[in-house]
Amino acid sequence: MSNDNTQSKLQAAAAEYCEKLKSGEIIRTKSLNPEEKAKQNPTSMKYAIRAKCWDCACGQKEEIKLCPITDCSLYNFRPYR
């Protein structure tokens, strides 16, 4: 019984969320890529490093993880490892 009750509460909450999205009461925010975050936080070294790696790997997180350029000065600081 409690599983059915939980399921119906989840469905009701999802329906309410969808209605609020449609009415404009809730506005989804766009997630920013590392380059956009670096522009918003120009003094953050963390975002600057992520932005450089993001640019170098053409926006592919998996490529940043598998980066073969070990002589890069940012290699030890690269994100998504």
PDB file of N, CA and C in Angstrom:
ATOM      1  N   MET A   1       0.813  -1.199   0.000  1.00  0.00           N
ATOM      2  CA  MET A   1       0.000   0.000   0.000  1.00  0.00           C
ATOM      3  C   MET A   1       0.858   1.266   0.000  1.00  0.00           C
ATOM      4  N   SER A   2       1.893   1.305   0.805  1.00  0.00           N
ATOM      5  CA  SER A   2       2.693   2.526   0.901  1.00  0.00           C
ATOM      6  C   SER A   2       3.442   2.799  -0.406  1.00  0.00           C
ATOM      7  N   ASN A   3       3.798   1.755  -1.148  1.00  0.00           N
ATOM      8  CA  ASN A   3       4.475   1.939  -2.421  1.00  0.00           C
ATOM      9  C   ASN A   3       3.540   2.613  -3.422  1.00  0.00           C
ATOM     10  N   ASP A   4       2.275   2.208  -3.453  1.00  0.00           N
ATOM     11  CA  ASP A   4       1.287   2.825  -4.332  1.00  0.00           C
ATOM     12  C   ASP A   4       1.048   4.279  -3.938  1.00  0.00           C
ATOM     13  N   ASN A   5       1.015   4.538  -2.638  1.00  0.00           N
ATOM     14  CA  ASN A   5       0.813   5.887  -2.138  1.00  0.00           C
ATOM     15  C   ASN A   5       1.997   6.780  -2.527  1.00  0.00           C
ATOM     16  N   THR A   6       3.206   6.269  -2.394  1.00  0.00           N
ATOM     17  CA  THR A   6       4.404   7.021  -2.767  1.00  0.00           C
ATOM     18  C   THR A   6       4.398   7.320  -4.261  1.00  0.00           C
ATOM     19  N   GLN A   7       4.042   6.313  -5.058  1.00  0.00           N
ATOM     20  CA  GLN A   7       3.993   6.486  -6.506  1.00  0.00           C
ATOM     21  C   GLN A   7       2.980   7.556  -6.909  1.00  0.00           C
ATOM     22  N   SER A   8       1.828   7.557  -6.283  1.00  0.00           N
ATOM     23  CA  SER A   8       0.809   8.558  -6.626  1.00  0.00           C
ATOM     24  C   SER A   8       1.250   9.960  -6.195  1.00  0.00           C
ATOM     25  N   LYS A   9       1.961  10.071  -5.071  1.00  0.00           N
ATOM     26  CA  LYS A   9       2.480  11.367  -4.640  1.00  0.00           C
ATOM     27  C   LYS A   9       3.524  11.886  -5.623  1.00  0.00           C
ATOM     28  N   LEU A  10       4.381  10.985  -6.120  1.00  0.00           N
ATOM     29  CA  LEU A  10       5.389  11.379  -7.091  1.00  0.00           C
ATOM     30  C   LEU A  10       4.742  11.862  -8.388  1.00  0.00           C
ATOM     31  N   GLN A  11       3.719  11.155  -8.837  1.00  0.00           N
ATOM     32  CA  GLN A  11       3.015  11.548 -10.056  1.00  0.00           C
ATOM     33  C   GLN A  11       2.319  12.894  -9.871  1.00  0.00           C
ATOM     34  N   ALA A  12       1.728  13.120  -8.714  1.00  0.00           N
ATOM     35  CA  ALA A  12       1.068  14.392  -8.438  1.00  0.00           C
ATOM     36  C   ALA A  12       2.086  15.535  -8.403  1.00  0.00           C
ATOM     37  N   ALA A  13       3.231  15.283  -7.796  1.00  0.00           N
ATOM     38  CA  ALA A  13       4.273  16.309  -7.717  1.00  0.00           C
ATOM     39  C   ALA A  13       4.815  16.628  -9.106  1.00  0.00           C
ATOM     40  N   ALA A  14       4.994  15.602  -9.950  1.00  0.00           N
ATOM     41  CA  ALA A  14       5.474  15.822 -11.307  1.00  0.00           C
ATOM     42  C   ALA A  14       4.464  16.620 -12.115  1.00  0.00           C
ATOM     43  N   ALA A  15       3.184  16.309 -11.962  1.00  0.00           N
ATOM     44  CA  ALA A  15       2.140  17.038 -12.676  1.00  0.00           C
ATOM     45  C   ALA A  15       2.104  18.504 -12.229  1.00  0.00           C
ATOM     46  N   GLU A  16       2.239  18.735 -10.932  1.00  0.00           N
ATOM     47  CA  GLU A  16       2.246  20.101 -10.402  1.00  0.00           C
ATOM     48  C   GLU A  16       3.441  20.881 -10.944  1.00  0.00           C
ATOM     49  N   TYR A  17       4.596  20.233 -11.001  1.00  0.00           N
ATOM     50  CA  TYR A  17       5.801  20.865 -11.528  1.00  0.00           C
ATOM     51  C   TYR A  17       5.610  21.255 -12.995  1.00  0.00           C
ATOM     52  N   CYS A  18       5.049  20.342 -13.784  1.00  0.00           N
ATOM     53  CA  CYS A  18       4.802  20.622 -15.203  1.00  0.00           C
ATOM     54  C   CYS A  18       3.853  21.802 -15.379  1.00  0.00           C
ATOM     55  N   GLU A  19       2.842  21.873 -14.555  1.00  0.00           N
ATOM     56  CA  GLU A  19       1.889  22.986 -14.640  1.00  0.00           C
ATOM     57  C   GLU A  19       2.568  24.314 -14.295  1.00  0.00           C
ATOM     58  N   LYS A  20       3.424  24.298 -13.290  1.00  0.00           N
ATOM     59  CA  LYS A  20       4.127  25.519 -12.907  1.00  0.00           C
ATOM     60  C   LYS A  20       5.095  25.961 -14.002  1.00  0.00           C
ATOM     61  N   LEU A  21       5.712  24.993 -14.685  1.00  0.00           N
ATOM     62  CA  LEU A  21       6.581  25.333 -15.811  1.00  0.00           C
ATOM     63  C   LEU A  21       5.779  25.993 -16.928  1.00  0.00           C
ATOM     64  N   LYS A  22       4.632  25.403 -17.239  1.00  0.00           N
ATOM     65  CA  LYS A  22       3.783  25.934 -18.318  1.00  0.00           C
ATOM     66  C   LYS A  22       3.265  27.327 -18.003  1.00  0.00           C
ATOM     67  N   SER A  23       2.931  27.566 -16.746  1.00  0.00           N
ATOM     68  CA  SER A  23       2.372  28.866 -16.363  1.00  0.00           C
ATOM     69  C   SER A  23       3.448  29.943 -16.213  1.00  0.00           C
ATOM     70  N   GLY A  24       4.709  29.533 -16.183  1.00  0.00           N
ATOM     71  CA  GLY A  24       5.795  30.495 -16.021  1.00  0.00           C
ATOM     72  C   GLY A  24       6.152  30.778 -14.579  1.00  0.00           C
ATOM     73  N   GLU A  25       5.514  30.082 -13.659  1.00  0.00           N
ATOM     74  CA  GLU A  25       5.804  30.264 -12.236  1.00  0.00           C
ATOM     75  C   GLU A  25       7.215  29.772 -11.915  1.00  0.00           C
ATOM     76  N   ILE A  26       7.638  28.716 -12.619  1.00  0.00           N
ATOM     77  CA  ILE A  26       8.995  28.189 -12.485  1.00  0.00           C
ATOM     78  C   ILE A  26       9.684  28.397 -13.825  1.00  0.00           C
ATOM     79  N   ILE A  27      10.890  28.939 -13.782  1.00  0.00           N
ATOM     80  CA  ILE A  27      11.669  29.146 -15.001  1.00  0.00           C
ATOM     81  C   ILE A  27      12.930  28.318 -14.899  1.00  0.00           C
ATOM     82  N   ARG A  28      13.137  27.467 -15.892  1.00  0.00           N
ATOM     83  CA  ARG A  28      14.355  26.655 -15.915  1.00  0.00           C
ATOM     84  C   ARG A  28      15.542  27.531 -16.253  1.00  0.00           C
ATOM     85  N   THR A  29      16.633  27.277 -15.581  1.00  0.00           N
ATOM     86  CA  THR A  29      17.850  28.010 -15.884  1.00  0.00           C
ATOM     87  C   THR A  29      18.719  27.165 -16.797  1.00  0.00           C
ATOM     88  N   LYS A  30      19.389  27.827 -17.701  1.00  0.00           N
ATOM     89  CA  LYS A  30      20.277  27.151 -18.631  1.00  0.00           C
ATOM     90  C   LYS A  30      21.584  26.860 -17.912  1.00  0.00           C
ATOM     91  N   SER A  31      22.072  25.631 -18.019  1.00  0.00           N
ATOM     92  CA  SER A  31      23.358  25.338 -17.400  1.00  0.00           C
ATOM     93  C   SER A  31      24.462  25.881 -18.299  1.00  0.00           C
ATOM     94  N   LEU A  32      25.465  26.441 -17.688  1.00  0.00           N
ATOM     95  CA  LEU A  32      26.544  27.083 -18.415  1.00  0.00           C
ATOM     96  C   LEU A  32      27.698  26.124 -18.644  1.00  0.00           C
ATOM     97  N   ASN A  33      28.364  26.266 -19.777  1.00  0.00           N
ATOM     98  CA  ASN A  33      29.564  25.470 -20.004  1.00  0.00           C
ATOM     99  C   ASN A  33      30.727  26.159 -19.282  1.00  0.00           C
ATOM    100  N   PRO A  34      31.872  25.501 -19.151  1.00  0.00           N
ATOM    101  CA  PRO A  34      32.987  26.089 -18.393  1.00  0.00           C
ATOM    102  C   PRO A  34      33.476  27.438 -18.924  1.00  0.00           C
ATOM    103  N   GLU A  35      33.415  27.649 -20.223  1.00  0.00           N
ATOM    104  CA  GLU A  35      33.845  28.937 -20.762  1.00  0.00           C
ATOM    105  C   GLU A  35      32.919  30.060 -20.305  1.00  0.00           C
ATOM    106  N   GLU A  36      31.626  29.803 -20.297  1.00  0.00           N
ATOM    107  CA  GLU A  36      30.659  30.809 -19.843  1.00  0.00           C
ATOM    108  C   GLU A  36      30.815  31.077 -18.351  1.00  0.00           C
ATOM    109  N   LYS A  37      31.095  30.034 -17.573  1.00  0.00           N
ATOM    110  CA  LYS A  37      31.312  30.220 -16.135  1.00  0.00           C
ATOM    111  C   LYS A  37      32.563  31.054 -15.881  1.00  0.00           C
ATOM    112  N   ALA A  38      33.605  30.820 -16.681  1.00  0.00           N
ATOM    113  CA  ALA A  38      34.845  31.579 -16.518  1.00  0.00           C
ATOM    114  C   ALA A  38      34.622  33.055 -16.830  1.00  0.00           C
ATOM    115  N   LYS A  39      33.771  33.349 -17.814  1.00  0.00           N
ATOM    116  CA  LYS A  39      33.475  34.746 -18.147  1.00  0.00           C
ATOM    117  C   LYS A  39      32.708  35.422 -17.014  1.00  0.00           C
ATOM    118  N   GLN A  40      31.854  34.668 -16.322  1.00  0.00           N
ATOM    119  CA  GLN A  40      31.099  35.240 -15.204  1.00  0.00           C
ATOM    120  C   GLN A  40      31.961  35.399 -13.961  1.00  0.00           C
ATOM    121  N   ASN A  41      32.996  34.581 -13.838  1.00  0.00           N
ATOM    122  CA  ASN A  41      33.893  34.616 -12.662  1.00  0.00           C
ATOM    123  C   ASN A  41      35.336  34.790 -13.147  1.00  0.00           C
ATOM    124  N   PRO A  42      35.695  35.960 -13.651  1.00  0.00           N
ATOM    125  CA  PRO A  42      37.008  36.123 -14.270  1.00  0.00           C
ATOM    126  C   PRO A  42      38.198  35.973 -13.330  1.00  0.00           C
ATOM    127  N   THR A  43      37.995  36.006 -12.040  1.00  0.00           N
ATOM    128  CA  THR A  43      39.116  35.859 -11.113  1.00  0.00           C
ATOM    129  C   THR A  43      39.258  34.435 -10.580  1.00  0.00           C
ATOM    130  N   SER A  44      38.384  33.532 -10.999  1.00  0.00           N
ATOM    131  CA  SER A  44      38.432  32.160 -10.503  1.00  0.00           C
ATOM    132  C   SER A  44      39.385  31.305 -11.337  1.00  0.00           C
ATOM    133  N   MET A  45      40.439  30.823 -10.692  1.00  0.00           N
ATOM    134  CA  MET A  45      41.407  29.975 -11.382  1.00  0.00           C
ATOM    135  C   MET A  45      40.775  28.639 -11.778  1.00  0.00           C
ATOM    136  N   LYS A  46      39.910  28.126 -10.920  1.00  0.00           N
ATOM    137  CA  LYS A  46      39.247  26.853 -11.193  1.00  0.00           C
ATOM    138  C   LYS A  46      38.487  26.918 -12.515  1.00  0.00           C
ATOM    139  N   TYR A  47      37.698  27.969 -12.688  1.00  0.00           N
ATOM    140  CA  TYR A  47      36.916  28.104 -13.912  1.00  0.00           C
ATOM    141  C   TYR A  47      37.805  28.380 -15.120  1.00  0.00           C
ATOM    142  N   ALA A  48      38.902  29.089 -14.919  1.00  0.00           N
ATOM    143  CA  ALA A  48      39.819  29.380 -16.021  1.00  0.00           C
ATOM    144  C   ALA A  48      40.459  28.091 -16.537  1.00  0.00           C
ATOM    145  N   ILE A  49      40.874  27.224 -15.624  1.00  0.00           N
ATOM    146  CA  ILE A  49      41.486  25.950 -16.020  1.00  0.00           C
ATOM    147  C   ILE A  49      40.462  25.075 -16.728  1.00  0.00           C
ATOM    148  N   ARG A  50      39.263  24.992 -16.174  1.00  0.00           N
ATOM    149  CA  ARG A  50      38.211  24.193 -16.816  1.00  0.00           C
ATOM    150  C   ARG A  50      37.896  24.723 -18.207  1.00  0.00           C
ATOM    151  N   ALA A  51      37.850  26.048 -18.347  1.00  0.00           N
ATOM    152  CA  ALA A  51      37.537  26.645 -19.641  1.00  0.00           C
ATOM    153  C   ALA A  51      38.619  26.328 -20.665  1.00  0.00           C
ATOM    154  N   LYS A  52      39.883  26.397 -20.254  1.00  0.00           N
ATOM    155  CA  LYS A  52      40.981  26.098 -21.175  1.00  0.00           C
ATOM    156  C   LYS A  52      40.939  24.637 -21.610  1.00  0.00           C
ATOM    157  N   CYS A  53      40.741  23.726 -20.671  1.00  0.00           N
ATOM    158  CA  CYS A  53      40.653  22.301 -21.010  1.00  0.00           C
ATOM    159  C   CYS A  53      39.433  22.033 -21.888  1.00  0.00           C
ATOM    160  N   TRP A  54      38.326  22.683 -21.583  1.00  0.00           N
ATOM    161  CA  TRP A  54      37.090  22.533 -22.361  1.00  0.00           C
ATOM    162  C   TRP A  54      37.339  22.970 -23.810  1.00  0.00           C
ATOM    163  N   ASP A  55      38.029  24.099 -23.971  1.00  0.00           N
ATOM    164  CA  ASP A  55      38.331  24.615 -25.297  1.00  0.00           C
ATOM    165  C   ASP A  55      39.280  23.679 -26.042  1.00  0.00           C
ATOM    166  N   CYS A  56      40.313  23.228 -25.366  1.00  0.00           N
ATOM    167  CA  CYS A  56      41.311  22.356 -25.982  1.00  0.00           C
ATOM    168  C   CYS A  56      40.699  21.032 -26.437  1.00  0.00           C
ATOM    169  N   ALA A  57      39.762  20.500 -25.658  1.00  0.00           N
ATOM    170  CA  ALA A  57      39.145  19.202 -25.963  1.00  0.00           C
ATOM    171  C   ALA A  57      37.847  19.350 -26.750  1.00  0.00           C
ATOM    172  N   CYS A  58      37.595  20.536 -27.287  1.00  0.00           N
ATOM    173  CA  CYS A  58      36.390  20.802 -28.099  1.00  0.00           C
ATOM    174  C   CYS A  58      35.097  20.454 -27.366  1.00  0.00           C
ATOM    175  N   GLY A  59      35.068  20.730 -26.061  1.00  0.00           N
ATOM    176  CA  GLY A  59      33.845  20.543 -25.280  1.00  0.00           C
ATOM    177  C   GLY A  59      33.509  19.107 -24.937  1.00  0.00           C
ATOM    178  N   GLN A  60      34.476  18.210 -25.001  1.00  0.00           N
ATOM    179  CA  GLN A  60      34.239  16.797 -24.717  1.00  0.00           C
ATOM    180  C   GLN A  60      34.845  16.423 -23.362  1.00  0.00           C
ATOM    181  N   LYS A  61      33.985  16.183 -22.361  1.00  0.00           N
ATOM    182  CA  LYS A  61      34.477  15.840 -21.022  1.00  0.00           C
ATOM    183  C   LYS A  61      35.340  14.579 -21.057  1.00  0.00           C
ATOM    184  N   GLU A  62      34.936  13.607 -21.833  1.00  0.00           N
ATOM    185  CA  GLU A  62      35.683  12.349 -21.901  1.00  0.00           C
ATOM    186  C   GLU A  62      37.096  12.581 -22.441  1.00  0.00           C
ATOM    187  N   GLU A  63      37.231  13.501 -23.384  1.00  0.00           N
ATOM    188  CA  GLU A  63      38.553  13.825 -23.926  1.00  0.00           C
ATOM    189  C   GLU A  63      39.432  14.498 -22.871  1.00  0.00           C
ATOM    190  N   ILE A  64      38.819  15.285 -21.998  1.00  0.00           N
ATOM    191  CA  ILE A  64      39.590  15.919 -20.925  1.00  0.00           C
ATOM    192  C   ILE A  64      40.093  14.847 -19.959  1.00  0.00           C
ATOM    193  N   LYS A  65      39.229  13.878 -19.645  1.00  0.00           N
ATOM    194  CA  LYS A  65      39.641  12.782 -18.760  1.00  0.00           C
ATOM    195  C   LYS A  65      40.807  12.003 -19.344  1.00  0.00           C
ATOM    196  N   LEU A  66      40.755  11.760 -20.647  1.00  0.00           N
ATOM    197  CA  LEU A  66      41.751  10.918 -21.305  1.00  0.00           C
ATOM    198  C   LEU A  66      42.863  11.720 -21.970  1.00  0.00           C
ATOM    199  N   CYS A  67      43.033  12.950 -21.566  1.00  0.00           N
ATOM    200  CA  CYS A  67      44.004  13.847 -22.200  1.00  0.00           C
ATOM    201  C   CYS A  67      45.400  13.216 -22.269  1.00  0.00           C
ATOM    202  N   PRO A  68      45.963  13.121 -23.484  1.00  0.00           N
ATOM    203  CA  PRO A  68      47.283  12.511 -23.637  1.00  0.00           C
ATOM    204  C   PRO A  68      48.430  13.521 -23.566  1.00  0.00           C
ATOM    205  N   ILE A  69      48.135  14.809 -23.411  1.00  0.00           N
ATOM    206  CA  ILE A  69      49.165  15.845 -23.467  1.00  0.00           C
ATOM    207  C   ILE A  69      49.748  16.057 -22.071  1.00  0.00           C
ATOM    208  N   THR A  70      50.642  15.171 -21.683  1.00  0.00           N
ATOM    209  CA  THR A  70      51.194  15.203 -20.324  1.00  0.00           C
ATOM    210  C   THR A  70      52.166  16.352 -20.103  1.00  0.00           C
ATOM    211  N   ASP A  71      52.678  16.959 -21.166  1.00  0.00           N
ATOM    212  CA  ASP A  71      53.588  18.090 -20.975  1.00  0.00           C
ATOM    213  C   ASP A  71      52.849  19.437 -20.892  1.00  0.00           C
ATOM    214  N   CYS A  72      51.516  19.409 -20.924  1.00  0.00           N
ATOM    215  CA  CYS A  72      50.715  20.617 -20.735  1.00  0.00           C
ATOM    216  C   CYS A  72      50.861  21.075 -19.288  1.00  0.00           C
ATOM    217  N   SER A  73      51.005  22.362 -19.095  1.00  0.00           N
ATOM    218  CA  SER A  73      51.177  22.878 -17.726  1.00  0.00           C
ATOM    219  C   SER A  73      49.923  22.714 -16.876  1.00  0.00           C
ATOM    220  N   LEU A  74      48.769  22.480 -17.504  1.00  0.00           N
ATOM    221  CA  LEU A  74      47.520  22.292 -16.761  1.00  0.00           C
ATOM    222  C   LEU A  74      47.156  20.815 -16.586  1.00  0.00           C
ATOM    223  N   TYR A  75      47.982  19.922 -17.096  1.00  0.00           N
ATOM    224  CA  TYR A  75      47.651  18.496 -17.086  1.00  0.00           C
ATOM    225  C   TYR A  75      47.295  17.985 -15.682  1.00  0.00           C
ATOM    226  N   ASN A  76      48.068  18.338 -14.694  1.00  0.00           N
ATOM    227  CA  ASN A  76      47.823  17.854 -13.322  1.00  0.00           C
ATOM    228  C   ASN A  76      46.621  18.513 -12.667  1.00  0.00           C
ATOM    229  N   PHE A  77      46.115  19.582 -13.249  1.00  0.00           N
ATOM    230  CA  PHE A  77      44.992  20.320 -12.671  1.00  0.00           C
ATOM    231  C   PHE A  77      43.699  20.143 -13.466  1.00  0.00           C
ATOM    232  N   ARG A  78      43.737  19.329 -14.523  1.00  0.00           N
ATOM    233  CA  ARG A  78      42.569  19.199 -15.400  1.00  0.00           C
ATOM    234  C   ARG A  78      41.375  18.631 -14.639  1.00  0.00           C
ATOM    235  N   PRO A  79      40.194  19.093 -15.004  1.00  0.00           N
ATOM    236  CA  PRO A  79      38.974  18.614 -14.322  1.00  0.00           C
ATOM    237  C   PRO A  79      38.503  17.286 -14.905  1.00  0.00           C
ATOM    238  N   TYR A  80      37.474  16.741 -14.319  1.00  0.00           N
ATOM    239  CA  TYR A  80      36.774  15.531 -14.791  1.00  0.00           C
ATOM    240  C   TYR A  80      37.661  14.286 -14.790  1.00  0.00           C
ATOM    241  N   ARG A  81      38.701  14.242 -13.946  1.00  0.00           N
ATOM    242  CA  ARG A  81      39.574  13.063 -13.902  1.00  0.00           C
ATOM    243  C   ARG A  81      38.942  11.953 -13.140  1.00  0.00           C
TER     244      ARG A  81
END
